[in-house]
Amino acid sequence: MIAYAITDPSTLRFKSLERDLNKFSIKSNIIVYRDKNNKNYKKNAYLFITEAKKYPFKKILLHTDLNLAIELNADGIHLTSQQLNYIKIAKESKLFVTVSTHTQEEALKAQELGADMITYSPIFNTPNKGEPIGLKALNDLYKIINIPIIALGGIITEEHIKSCKENGASGFASIRYFK
């Protein structure tokens, strides 16, 4: 099962980068550097990728900055649902592409454009993300899509992970689970 760690300033601190990455590597096999408000994103992305390569992550991704992911030789990119038009460029650049999706239409469009996997959210209640779509929506998408679905949103327990797997998820992504 894919265990996809999404970092943010509450879970990844550059003063303790080695310790934090080691902690992530124990529970996850894919990691993305995500920090929407950091003025030093480029510098920190370089440090993140360089240090994360010392750990057994299968994929090390950057969030939303396609040009930087290419420049820094990240394994891949995590795009938002508003960045679907970047999928082709990312694939041509040999990047692994994950796309955030919230509807079946977005998920199917990401698949059609060549995404390697999608996140689908929010499955459970999660701060500031609106009404959860739930496990039924996850299962419904599983029946019509051919790329891995990574359940996202409010996943903080082993029971959440098990429920997502039982409903078709190839894995799960979380911030809080990896704290």
Protein backbone atom coordinates (compact mmCIF):
# COMPACT_ATOMS: atom_id res chain seq x y z
CA MET A 1 0.00 0.00 0.00
CA ILE A 2 1.24 3.46 -0.86
CA ALA A 3 1.84 5.64 2.20
CA TYR A 4 2.18 9.20 0.93
CA ALA A 5 3.48 11.81 3.36
CA ILE A 6 2.51 15.40 2.65
CA THR A 7 4.79 17.76 4.50
CA ASP A 8 3.89 21.16 5.83
CA PRO A 9 5.53 23.56 8.30
CA SER A 10 3.94 21.70 11.23
CA THR A 11 5.60 18.40 10.27
CA LEU A 12 8.84 19.38 8.55
CA ARG A 13 11.30 21.86 9.95
CA PHE A 14 14.57 22.60 8.24
CA LYS A 15 16.35 23.01 11.59
CA SER A 16 15.60 19.32 12.20
CA LEU A 17 15.44 18.14 8.58
CA GLU A 18 17.36 14.88 9.05
CA ARG A 19 15.33 13.88 12.10
CA ASP A 20 12.03 14.79 10.43
CA LEU A 21 12.83 12.93 7.20
CA ASN A 22 13.91 9.89 9.18
CA LYS A 23 10.55 9.99 11.01
CA PHE A 24 8.69 10.20 7.69
CA SER A 25 10.72 7.36 6.16
CA ILE A 26 9.58 4.95 8.87
CA LYS A 27 5.90 5.24 7.91
CA SER A 28 5.87 6.45 4.29
CA ASN A 29 7.25 5.40 0.93
CA ILE A 30 6.40 8.56 -1.05
CA ILE A 31 6.92 12.09 0.21
CA VAL A 32 6.09 15.53 -1.14
CA TYR A 33 7.55 18.85 -0.04
CA ARG A 34 4.63 21.24 0.33
CA ASP A 35 4.87 24.67 1.89
CA LYS A 36 2.50 27.12 0.26
CA ASN A 37 3.76 30.28 1.97
CA ASN A 38 7.53 29.86 2.21
CA LYS A 39 9.58 32.68 0.70
CA ASN A 40 12.58 30.31 0.64
CA TYR A 41 10.75 27.51 -1.19
CA LYS A 42 13.40 27.04 -3.89
CA LYS A 43 16.28 26.84 -1.43
CA ASN A 44 14.33 24.57 0.91
CA ALA A 45 13.17 22.35 -1.96
CA TYR A 46 16.81 21.80 -2.92
CA LEU A 47 17.72 20.91 0.67
CA PHE A 48 14.66 18.69 0.99
CA ILE A 49 15.36 16.70 -2.18
CA THR A 50 19.08 16.38 -1.44
CA GLU A 51 18.47 15.08 2.08
CA ALA A 52 15.41 12.95 1.24
CA LYS A 53 17.47 11.00 -1.32
CA LYS A 54 19.40 9.53 1.64
CA TYR A 55 16.26 7.71 2.78
CA PRO A 56 14.39 4.78 1.20
CA PHE A 57 11.52 6.78 -0.31
CA LYS A 58 10.30 5.33 -3.62
CA LYS A 59 9.39 8.81 -4.86
CA ILE A 60 10.33 12.33 -3.76
CA LEU A 61 8.00 14.99 -5.13
CA LEU A 62 7.59 18.75 -5.08
CA HIS A 63 4.23 20.44 -4.78
CA THR A 64 2.94 22.53 -7.72
CA ASP A 65 6.23 24.04 -9.00
CA LEU A 66 6.81 22.11 -12.22
CA ASN A 67 9.86 24.07 -13.38
CA LEU A 68 11.55 23.66 -10.01
CA ALA A 69 10.81 19.92 -9.93
CA ILE A 70 12.52 19.61 -13.33
CA GLU A 71 15.44 21.84 -12.33
CA LEU A 72 16.10 19.97 -9.07
CA ASN A 73 15.64 16.46 -10.50
CA ALA A 74 12.75 15.58 -8.24
CA ASP A 75 11.21 12.19 -8.95
CA GLY A 76 7.90 13.88 -9.56
CA ILE A 77 5.39 16.63 -9.09
CA HIS A 78 2.13 16.89 -7.19
CA LEU A 79 -0.20 19.13 -9.20
CA THR A 80 -3.45 20.74 -8.13
CA SER A 81 -6.67 20.11 -10.03
CA GLN A 82 -6.19 23.58 -11.58
CA GLN A 83 -2.87 22.46 -13.10
CA LEU A 84 -4.13 19.64 -15.33
CA ASN A 85 -2.59 21.37 -18.34
CA TYR A 86 0.88 20.74 -16.83
CA ILE A 87 0.55 16.94 -16.89
CA LYS A 88 1.84 16.57 -20.47
CA ILE A 89 4.88 18.78 -19.82
CA ALA A 90 5.65 16.90 -16.61
CA LYS A 91 5.42 13.52 -18.36
CA GLU A 92 7.61 14.75 -21.23
CA SER A 93 10.14 15.75 -18.56
CA LYS A 94 10.04 12.18 -17.18
CA LEU A 95 8.39 13.20 -13.91
CA PHE A 96 6.05 11.00 -11.92
CA VAL A 97 2.76 12.92 -11.78
CA THR A 98 0.25 12.99 -8.96
CA VAL A 99 -2.82 15.21 -9.23
CA SER A 100 -5.16 16.38 -6.46
CA THR A 101 -8.75 15.61 -7.41
CA HIS A 102 -12.07 16.15 -5.69
CA THR A 103 -14.59 14.89 -8.25
CA GLN A 104 -14.89 11.93 -10.60
CA GLU A 105 -14.62 14.33 -13.53
CA GLU A 106 -11.28 15.74 -12.33
CA ALA A 107 -9.97 12.23 -11.64
CA LEU A 108 -10.93 10.92 -15.06
CA LYS A 109 -9.47 14.00 -16.77
CA ALA A 110 -6.17 13.57 -14.88
CA GLN A 111 -6.07 9.92 -15.97
CA GLU A 112 -6.86 10.83 -19.58
CA LEU A 113 -4.04 13.40 -19.62
CA GLY A 114 -1.50 10.87 -18.33
CA ALA A 115 -1.25 11.30 -14.55
CA ASP A 116 0.43 8.37 -12.80
CA MET A 117 -1.84 8.56 -9.75
CA ILE A 118 -4.34 10.86 -8.11
CA THR A 119 -5.26 11.91 -4.64
CA TYR A 120 -9.00 11.95 -4.03
CA SER A 121 -10.32 14.07 -1.19
CA PRO A 122 -11.52 14.78 1.36
CA ILE A 123 -12.53 11.26 2.37
CA PHE A 124 -13.03 12.06 6.08
CA ASN A 125 -13.48 15.29 8.03
CA THR A 126 -10.39 17.44 7.81
CA PRO A 127 -9.77 21.06 8.83
CA ASN A 128 -10.75 23.69 6.26
CA LYS A 129 -11.62 21.24 3.46
CA GLY A 130 -15.40 21.28 3.45
CA GLU A 131 -17.80 18.36 3.57
CA PRO A 132 -16.09 14.96 3.17
CA ILE A 133 -16.95 12.93 0.08
CA GLY A 134 -16.77 9.67 2.03
CA LEU A 135 -15.86 6.06 1.40
CA LYS A 136 -18.74 5.42 -1.03
CA ALA A 137 -17.39 8.10 -3.38
CA LEU A 138 -13.96 6.49 -3.13
CA ASN A 139 -15.41 3.09 -4.01
CA ASP A 140 -17.46 4.54 -6.87
CA LEU A 141 -14.33 6.12 -8.37
CA TYR A 142 -12.38 2.87 -7.94
CA LYS A 143 -14.88 1.14 -10.22
CA ILE A 144 -14.26 3.52 -13.14
CA ILE A 145 -10.58 4.51 -13.01
CA ASN A 146 -7.42 2.63 -13.97
CA ILE A 147 -4.67 4.54 -12.15
CA PRO A 148 -3.90 4.36 -8.43
CA ILE A 149 -6.21 6.33 -6.17
CA ILE A 150 -4.62 7.76 -3.04
CA ALA A 151 -7.24 8.53 -0.41
CA LEU A 152 -6.68 11.90 1.26
CA GLY A 153 -8.38 13.95 3.91
CA GLY A 154 -8.76 13.26 7.60
CA ILE A 155 -6.78 10.02 7.54
CA ILE A 156 -5.23 9.80 10.97
CA THR A 157 -5.80 6.22 12.19
CA GLU A 158 -5.06 2.67 11.09
CA GLU A 159 -8.83 2.13 10.87
CA HIS A 160 -9.11 5.01 8.37
CA ILE A 161 -6.34 3.43 6.27
CA LYS A 162 -8.00 0.01 6.38
CA SER A 163 -11.38 1.47 5.37
CA CYS A 164 -9.81 3.30 2.43
CA LYS A 165 -8.05 0.15 1.23
CA GLU A 166 -11.30 -1.84 1.51
CA ASN A 167 -12.95 0.77 -0.72
CA GLY A 168 -10.44 0.68 -3.55
CA ALA A 169 -7.63 3.01 -2.53
CA SER A 170 -4.14 1.96 -3.61
CA GLY A 171 -2.82 4.01 -0.75
CA PHE A 172 -3.40 6.98 1.49
CA ALA A 173 -1.93 10.45 1.88
CA SER A 174 -1.90 12.50 5.01
CA ILE A 175 -0.26 15.31 6.92
CA ARG A 176 -1.47 14.54 10.44
CA TYR A 177 -0.97 10.75 10.32
CA PHE A 178 2.77 11.26 9.92
CA LYS A 179 3.17 13.80 12.77
